[in-house]
Amino acid sequence: MKAQHVRHWEQDDDVVERVLSGLRLSLILDRLYLDTFYRDLTAVLHENAAPTMDEIEKLADRLRGALMPLVAIVLEHHDQPGEASSRTITRARALQEQAPPGNLLPARAHLRQLAMATQDLLKLLRQEDTR
Protein backbone atom coordinates (compact mmCIF):
# COMPACT_ATOMS: atom_id res chain seq x y z
CA MET A 1 0.00 0.00 0.00
CA LYS A 2 1.36 3.40 -0.95
CA ALA A 3 1.77 6.03 1.70
CA GLN A 4 -0.53 8.93 1.06
CA HIS A 5 0.91 12.37 1.18
CA VAL A 6 -0.90 14.47 3.73
CA ARG A 7 -0.78 18.11 2.83
CA HIS A 8 0.22 20.32 5.71
CA TRP A 9 -2.12 23.25 6.17
CA GLU A 10 -0.42 26.49 6.95
CA GLN A 11 -2.51 29.01 8.76
CA ASP A 12 -3.15 32.10 6.69
CA ASP A 13 -4.56 34.73 9.05
CA ASP A 14 -6.40 36.56 6.26
CA VAL A 15 -8.13 33.37 5.11
CA VAL A 16 -9.03 32.40 8.67
CA GLU A 17 -10.46 35.87 9.35
CA ARG A 18 -12.54 35.80 6.14
CA VAL A 19 -13.92 32.36 6.99
CA LEU A 20 -14.76 33.40 10.55
CA SER A 21 -16.34 36.65 9.36
CA GLY A 22 -18.43 34.72 6.86
CA LEU A 23 -19.57 32.31 9.55
CA ARG A 24 -20.47 35.17 11.92
CA LEU A 25 -22.41 36.90 9.16
CA SER A 26 -24.19 33.67 8.29
CA LEU A 27 -25.15 33.02 11.92
CA ILE A 28 -26.50 36.53 12.42
CA LEU A 29 -28.38 36.55 9.14
CA ASP A 30 -29.85 33.16 10.03
CA ARG A 31 -31.22 34.75 13.20
CA LEU A 32 -32.96 37.33 11.02
CA TYR A 33 -34.90 34.52 9.32
CA LEU A 34 -33.59 35.20 5.85
CA ASP A 35 -36.63 33.98 3.93
CA THR A 36 -38.93 36.31 5.83
CA PHE A 37 -36.32 39.05 5.74
CA TYR A 38 -36.00 39.07 1.95
CA ARG A 39 -39.74 38.67 1.55
CA ASP A 40 -40.16 41.80 3.68
CA LEU A 41 -37.67 43.72 1.55
CA THR A 42 -39.49 42.66 -1.60
CA ALA A 43 -42.87 43.58 -0.10
CA VAL A 44 -41.57 47.07 0.61
CA LEU A 45 -39.38 47.76 -2.42
CA HIS A 46 -41.43 46.10 -5.16
CA GLU A 47 -42.56 48.69 -7.69
CA ASN A 48 -46.23 47.99 -6.95
CA ALA A 49 -45.82 47.81 -3.17
CA ALA A 50 -48.71 49.43 -1.32
CA PRO A 51 -48.69 48.15 2.27
CA THR A 52 -51.52 49.06 4.61
CA MET A 53 -50.88 50.78 7.96
CA ASP A 54 -51.08 47.42 9.75
CA GLU A 55 -48.56 45.91 7.33
CA ILE A 56 -46.33 48.97 7.64
CA GLU A 57 -46.17 48.61 11.42
CA LYS A 58 -45.23 44.92 11.22
CA LEU A 59 -42.71 45.40 8.43
CA ALA A 60 -41.15 48.45 10.08
CA ASP A 61 -40.74 46.57 13.37
CA ARG A 62 -38.97 43.67 11.66
CA LEU A 63 -36.73 45.92 9.57
CA ARG A 64 -35.87 48.07 12.59
CA GLY A 65 -34.98 44.89 14.46
CA ALA A 66 -32.59 43.90 11.67
CA LEU A 67 -30.82 47.25 11.30
CA MET A 68 -28.71 47.29 14.45
CA PRO A 69 -27.37 43.73 14.10
CA LEU A 70 -26.43 44.59 10.50
CA VAL A 71 -24.77 47.85 11.60
CA ALA A 72 -22.78 45.90 14.21
CA ILE A 73 -21.58 43.42 11.59
CA VAL A 74 -20.62 46.20 9.16
CA LEU A 75 -18.63 47.93 11.89
CA GLU A 76 -16.94 44.66 12.75
CA HIS A 77 -16.04 44.07 9.10
CA HIS A 78 -14.86 47.59 8.36
CA ASP A 79 -12.14 48.70 10.77
CA GLN A 80 -12.04 52.11 9.15
CA PRO A 81 -15.43 52.72 7.53
CA GLY A 82 -15.19 55.00 4.54
CA GLU A 83 -17.34 58.04 4.06
CA ALA A 84 -20.07 56.15 2.20
CA SER A 85 -20.15 53.38 4.83
CA SER A 86 -20.31 55.92 7.63
CA ARG A 87 -23.23 57.72 5.97
CA THR A 88 -25.08 54.43 5.54
CA ILE A 89 -24.52 53.52 9.19
CA THR A 90 -25.60 56.98 10.41
CA ARG A 91 -28.73 56.84 8.26
CA ALA A 92 -29.59 53.34 9.51
CA ARG A 93 -29.18 54.38 13.14
CA ALA A 94 -31.37 57.46 12.67
CA LEU A 95 -34.09 55.49 10.87
CA GLN A 96 -34.02 52.75 13.48
CA GLU A 97 -34.89 55.27 16.17
CA GLN A 98 -37.76 56.92 14.28
CA ALA A 99 -41.34 55.77 14.68
CA PRO A 100 -43.33 55.50 11.46
CA PRO A 101 -45.47 58.55 10.72
CA GLY A 102 -49.18 58.23 11.45
CA ASN A 103 -50.35 58.97 7.91
CA LEU A 104 -50.30 56.30 5.22
CA LEU A 105 -48.15 57.92 2.51
CA PRO A 106 -45.44 59.29 4.86
CA ALA A 107 -45.43 55.90 6.66
CA ARG A 108 -44.86 54.10 3.34
CA ALA A 109 -42.02 56.49 2.51
CA HIS A 110 -40.43 55.88 5.91
CA LEU A 111 -40.76 52.12 5.45
CA ARG A 112 -39.06 52.34 2.05
CA GLN A 113 -36.21 54.30 3.65
CA LEU A 114 -35.82 51.55 6.26
CA ALA A 115 -35.74 48.90 3.54
CA MET A 116 -33.24 50.84 1.42
CA ALA A 117 -30.94 51.39 4.42
CA THR A 118 -31.13 47.66 5.15
CA GLN A 119 -30.29 46.88 1.54
CA ASP A 120 -27.35 49.29 1.63
CA LEU A 121 -25.98 47.58 4.76
CA LEU A 122 -26.26 44.20 3.05
CA LYS A 123 -24.35 45.60 0.05
CA LEU A 124 -21.56 46.76 2.37
CA LEU A 125 -21.36 43.25 3.81
CA ARG A 126 -21.28 41.62 0.39
CA GLN A 127 -18.46 43.96 -0.64
CA GLU A 128 -16.49 42.82 2.40
CA ASP A 129 -17.13 39.15 1.60
CA THR A 130 -15.66 39.52 -1.91
CA ARG A 131 -12.32 40.88 -0.67
C-alpha atoms as a PDB file:
ATOM      1  CA  MET A   1       0.000   0.000   0.000  1.00  0.00           C
ATOM      2  CA  LYS A   2       1.356   3.396  -0.954  1.00  0.00           C
ATOM      3  CA  ALA A   3       1.771   6.026   1.699  1.00  0.00           C
ATOM      4  CA  GLN A   4      -0.530   8.926   1.057  1.00  0.00           C
ATOM      5  CA  HIS A   5       0.909  12.371   1.176  1.00  0.00           C
ATOM      6  CA  VAL A   6      -0.901  14.471   3.729  1.00  0.00           C
ATOM      7  CA  ARG A   7      -0.782  18.114   2.833  1.00  0.00           C
ATOM      8  CA  HIS A   8       0.223  20.323   5.715  1.00  0.00           C
ATOM      9  CA  TRP A   9      -2.124  23.247   6.166  1.00  0.00           C
ATOM     10  CA  GLU A  10      -0.417  26.494   6.954  1.00  0.00           C
ATOM     11  CA  GLN A  11      -2.506  29.014   8.763  1.00  0.00           C
ATOM     12  CA  ASP A  12      -3.147  32.101   6.690  1.00  0.00           C
ATOM     13  CA  ASP A  13      -4.559  34.730   9.049  1.00  0.00           C
ATOM     14  CA  ASP A  14      -6.402  36.557   6.260  1.00  0.00           C
ATOM     15  CA  VAL A  15      -8.134  33.370   5.106  1.00  0.00           C
ATOM     16  CA  VAL A  16      -9.029  32.400   8.668  1.00  0.00           C
ATOM     17  CA  GLU A  17     -10.455  35.869   9.352  1.00  0.00           C
ATOM     18  CA  ARG A  18     -12.537  35.802   6.142  1.00  0.00           C
ATOM     19  CA  VAL A  19     -13.918  32.364   6.994  1.00  0.00           C
ATOM     20  CA  LEU A  20     -14.758  33.400  10.555  1.00  0.00           C
ATOM     21  CA  SER A  21     -16.336  36.646   9.358  1.00  0.00           C
ATOM     22  CA  GLY A  22     -18.430  34.721   6.858  1.00  0.00           C
ATOM     23  CA  LEU A  23     -19.567  32.311   9.554  1.00  0.00           C
ATOM     24  CA  ARG A  24     -20.466  35.169  11.920  1.00  0.00           C
ATOM     25  CA  LEU A  25     -22.409  36.902   9.158  1.00  0.00           C
ATOM     26  CA  SER A  26     -24.188  33.673   8.294  1.00  0.00           C
ATOM     27  CA  LEU A  27     -25.153  33.024  11.918  1.00  0.00           C
ATOM     28  CA  ILE A  28     -26.502  36.528  12.421  1.00  0.00           C
ATOM     29  CA  LEU A  29     -28.376  36.554   9.136  1.00  0.00           C
ATOM     30  CA  ASP A  30     -29.850  33.161  10.025  1.00  0.00           C
ATOM     31  CA  ARG A  31     -31.221  34.749  13.200  1.00  0.00           C
ATOM     32  CA  LEU A  32     -32.959  37.329  11.021  1.00  0.00           C
ATOM     33  CA  TYR A  33     -34.905  34.523   9.321  1.00  0.00           C
ATOM     34  CA  LEU A  34     -33.585  35.204   5.849  1.00  0.00           C
ATOM     35  CA  ASP A  35     -36.632  33.979   3.934  1.00  0.00           C
ATOM     36  CA  THR A  36     -38.929  36.314   5.831  1.00  0.00           C
ATOM     37  CA  PHE A  37     -36.316  39.053   5.743  1.00  0.00           C
ATOM     38  CA  TYR A  38     -35.996  39.070   1.947  1.00  0.00           C
ATOM     39  CA  ARG A  39     -39.741  38.669   1.546  1.00  0.00           C
ATOM     40  CA  ASP A  40     -40.157  41.802   3.676  1.00  0.00           C
ATOM     41  CA  LEU A  41     -37.666  43.724   1.548  1.00  0.00           C
ATOM     42  CA  THR A  42     -39.487  42.660  -1.603  1.00  0.00           C
ATOM     43  CA  ALA A  43     -42.869  43.584  -0.101  1.00  0.00           C
ATOM     44  CA  VAL A  44     -41.565  47.071   0.611  1.00  0.00           C
ATOM     45  CA  LEU A  45     -39.382  47.763  -2.418  1.00  0.00           C
ATOM     46  CA  HIS A  46     -41.426  46.096  -5.161  1.00  0.00           C
ATOM     47  CA  GLU A  47     -42.560  48.692  -7.690  1.00  0.00           C
ATOM     48  CA  ASN A  48     -46.234  47.993  -6.947  1.00  0.00           C
ATOM     49  CA  ALA A  49     -45.818  47.812  -3.171  1.00  0.00           C
ATOM     50  CA  ALA A  50     -48.715  49.430  -1.317  1.00  0.00           C
ATOM     51  CA  PRO A  51     -48.686  48.152   2.273  1.00  0.00           C
ATOM     52  CA  THR A  52     -51.522  49.061   4.606  1.00  0.00           C
ATOM     53  CA  MET A  53     -50.884  50.781   7.955  1.00  0.00           C
ATOM     54  CA  ASP A  54     -51.083  47.419   9.753  1.00  0.00           C
ATOM     55  CA  GLU A  55     -48.559  45.909   7.335  1.00  0.00           C
ATOM     56  CA  ILE A  56     -46.331  48.970   7.643  1.00  0.00           C
ATOM     57  CA  GLU A  57     -46.174  48.612  11.423  1.00  0.00           C
ATOM     58  CA  LYS A  58     -45.234  44.924  11.225  1.00  0.00           C
ATOM     59  CA  LEU A  59     -42.708  45.403   8.426  1.00  0.00           C
ATOM     60  CA  ALA A  60     -41.150  48.451  10.075  1.00  0.00           C
ATOM     61  CA  ASP A  61     -40.743  46.571  13.370  1.00  0.00           C
ATOM     62  CA  ARG A  62     -38.975  43.668  11.661  1.00  0.00           C
ATOM     63  CA  LEU A  63     -36.729  45.919   9.567  1.00  0.00           C
ATOM     64  CA  ARG A  64     -35.871  48.074  12.587  1.00  0.00           C
ATOM     65  CA  GLY A  65     -34.981  44.894  14.462  1.00  0.00           C
ATOM     66  CA  ALA A  66     -32.587  43.904  11.673  1.00  0.00           C
ATOM     67  CA  LEU A  67     -30.824  47.251  11.297  1.00  0.00           C
ATOM     68  CA  MET A  68     -28.713  47.287  14.452  1.00  0.00           C
ATOM     69  CA  PRO A  69     -27.373  43.729  14.096  1.00  0.00           C
ATOM     70  CA  LEU A  70     -26.434  44.594  10.501  1.00  0.00           C
ATOM     71  CA  VAL A  71     -24.771  47.845  11.600  1.00  0.00           C
ATOM     72  CA  ALA A  72     -22.778  45.903  14.212  1.00  0.00           C
ATOM     73  CA  ILE A  73     -21.584  43.423  11.586  1.00  0.00           C
ATOM     74  CA  VAL A  74     -20.622  46.204   9.162  1.00  0.00           C
ATOM     75  CA  LEU A  75     -18.626  47.934  11.895  1.00  0.00           C
ATOM     76  CA  GLU A  76     -16.937  44.656  12.748  1.00  0.00           C
ATOM     77  CA  HIS A  77     -16.038  44.066   9.098  1.00  0.00           C
ATOM     78  CA  HIS A  78     -14.864  47.591   8.358  1.00  0.00           C
ATOM     79  CA  ASP A  79     -12.141  48.699  10.767  1.00  0.00           C
ATOM     80  CA  GLN A  80     -12.043  52.113   9.149  1.00  0.00           C
ATOM     81  CA  PRO A  81     -15.429  52.717   7.528  1.00  0.00           C
ATOM     82  CA  GLY A  82     -15.187  54.997   4.537  1.00  0.00           C
ATOM     83  CA  GLU A  83     -17.344  58.043   4.061  1.00  0.00           C
ATOM     84  CA  ALA A  84     -20.074  56.146   2.199  1.00  0.00           C
ATOM     85  CA  SER A  85     -20.150  53.378   4.828  1.00  0.00           C
ATOM     86  CA  SER A  86     -20.310  55.925   7.633  1.00  0.00           C
ATOM     87  CA  ARG A  87     -23.231  57.725   5.968  1.00  0.00           C
ATOM     88  CA  THR A  88     -25.084  54.433   5.541  1.00  0.00           C
ATOM     89  CA  ILE A  89     -24.517  53.523   9.192  1.00  0.00           C
ATOM     90  CA  THR A  90     -25.597  56.978  10.412  1.00  0.00           C
ATOM     91  CA  ARG A  91     -28.730  56.840   8.257  1.00  0.00           C
ATOM     92  CA  ALA A  92     -29.586  53.336   9.511  1.00  0.00           C
ATOM     93  CA  ARG A  93     -29.182  54.376  13.142  1.00  0.00           C
ATOM     94  CA  ALA A  94     -31.368  57.456  12.669  1.00  0.00           C
ATOM     95  CA  LEU A  95     -34.089  55.493  10.869  1.00  0.00           C
ATOM     96  CA  GLN A  96     -34.019  52.752  13.484  1.00  0.00           C
ATOM     97  CA  GLU A  97     -34.895  55.272  16.169  1.00  0.00           C
ATOM     98  CA  GLN A  98     -37.760  56.924  14.284  1.00  0.00           C
ATOM     99  CA  ALA A  99     -41.336  55.770  14.680  1.00  0.00           C
ATOM    100  CA  PRO A 100     -43.326  55.495  11.462  1.00  0.00           C
ATOM    101  CA  PRO A 101     -45.467  58.548  10.716  1.00  0.00           C
ATOM    102  CA  GLY A 102     -49.176  58.232  11.446  1.00  0.00           C
ATOM    103  CA  ASN A 103     -50.353  58.974   7.911  1.00  0.00           C
ATOM    104  CA  LEU A 104     -50.299  56.301   5.222  1.00  0.00           C
ATOM    105  CA  LEU A 105     -48.148  57.922   2.512  1.00  0.00           C
ATOM    106  CA  PRO A 106     -45.437  59.285   4.857  1.00  0.00           C
ATOM    107  CA  ALA A 107     -45.434  55.904   6.663  1.00  0.00           C
ATOM    108  CA  ARG A 108     -44.865  54.104   3.344  1.00  0.00           C
ATOM    109  CA  ALA A 109     -42.024  56.493   2.515  1.00  0.00           C
ATOM    110  CA  HIS A 110     -40.432  55.883   5.907  1.00  0.00           C
ATOM    111  CA  LEU A 111     -40.764  52.122   5.452  1.00  0.00           C
ATOM    112  CA  ARG A 112     -39.056  52.343   2.046  1.00  0.00           C
ATOM    113  CA  GLN A 113     -36.213  54.296   3.653  1.00  0.00           C
ATOM    114  CA  LEU A 114     -35.820  51.546   6.262  1.00  0.00           C
ATOM    115  CA  ALA A 115     -35.735  48.900   3.539  1.00  0.00           C
ATOM    116  CA  MET A 116     -33.237  50.845   1.418  1.00  0.00           C
ATOM    117  CA  ALA A 117     -30.944  51.386   4.422  1.00  0.00           C
ATOM    118  CA  THR A 118     -31.131  47.661   5.149  1.00  0.00           C
ATOM    119  CA  GLN A 119     -30.294  46.878   1.541  1.00  0.00           C
ATOM    120  CA  ASP A 120     -27.346  49.286   1.632  1.00  0.00           C
ATOM    121  CA  LEU A 121     -25.982  47.581   4.762  1.00  0.00           C
ATOM    122  CA  LEU A 122     -26.256  44.199   3.052  1.00  0.00           C
ATOM    123  CA  LYS A 123     -24.354  45.596   0.051  1.00  0.00           C
ATOM    124  CA  LEU A 124     -21.558  46.756   2.369  1.00  0.00           C
ATOM    125  CA  LEU A 125     -21.356  43.252   3.815  1.00  0.00           C
ATOM    126  CA  ARG A 126     -21.282  41.620   0.391  1.00  0.00           C
ATOM    127  CA  GLN A 127     -18.457  43.962  -0.636  1.00  0.00           C
ATOM    128  CA  GLU A 128     -16.493  42.817   2.396  1.00  0.00           C
ATOM    129  CA  ASP A 129     -17.134  39.146   1.596  1.00  0.00           C
ATOM    130  CA  THR A 130     -15.655  39.522  -1.907  1.00  0.00           C
ATOM    131  CA  ARG A 131     -12.322  40.875  -0.672  1.00  0.00           C
END
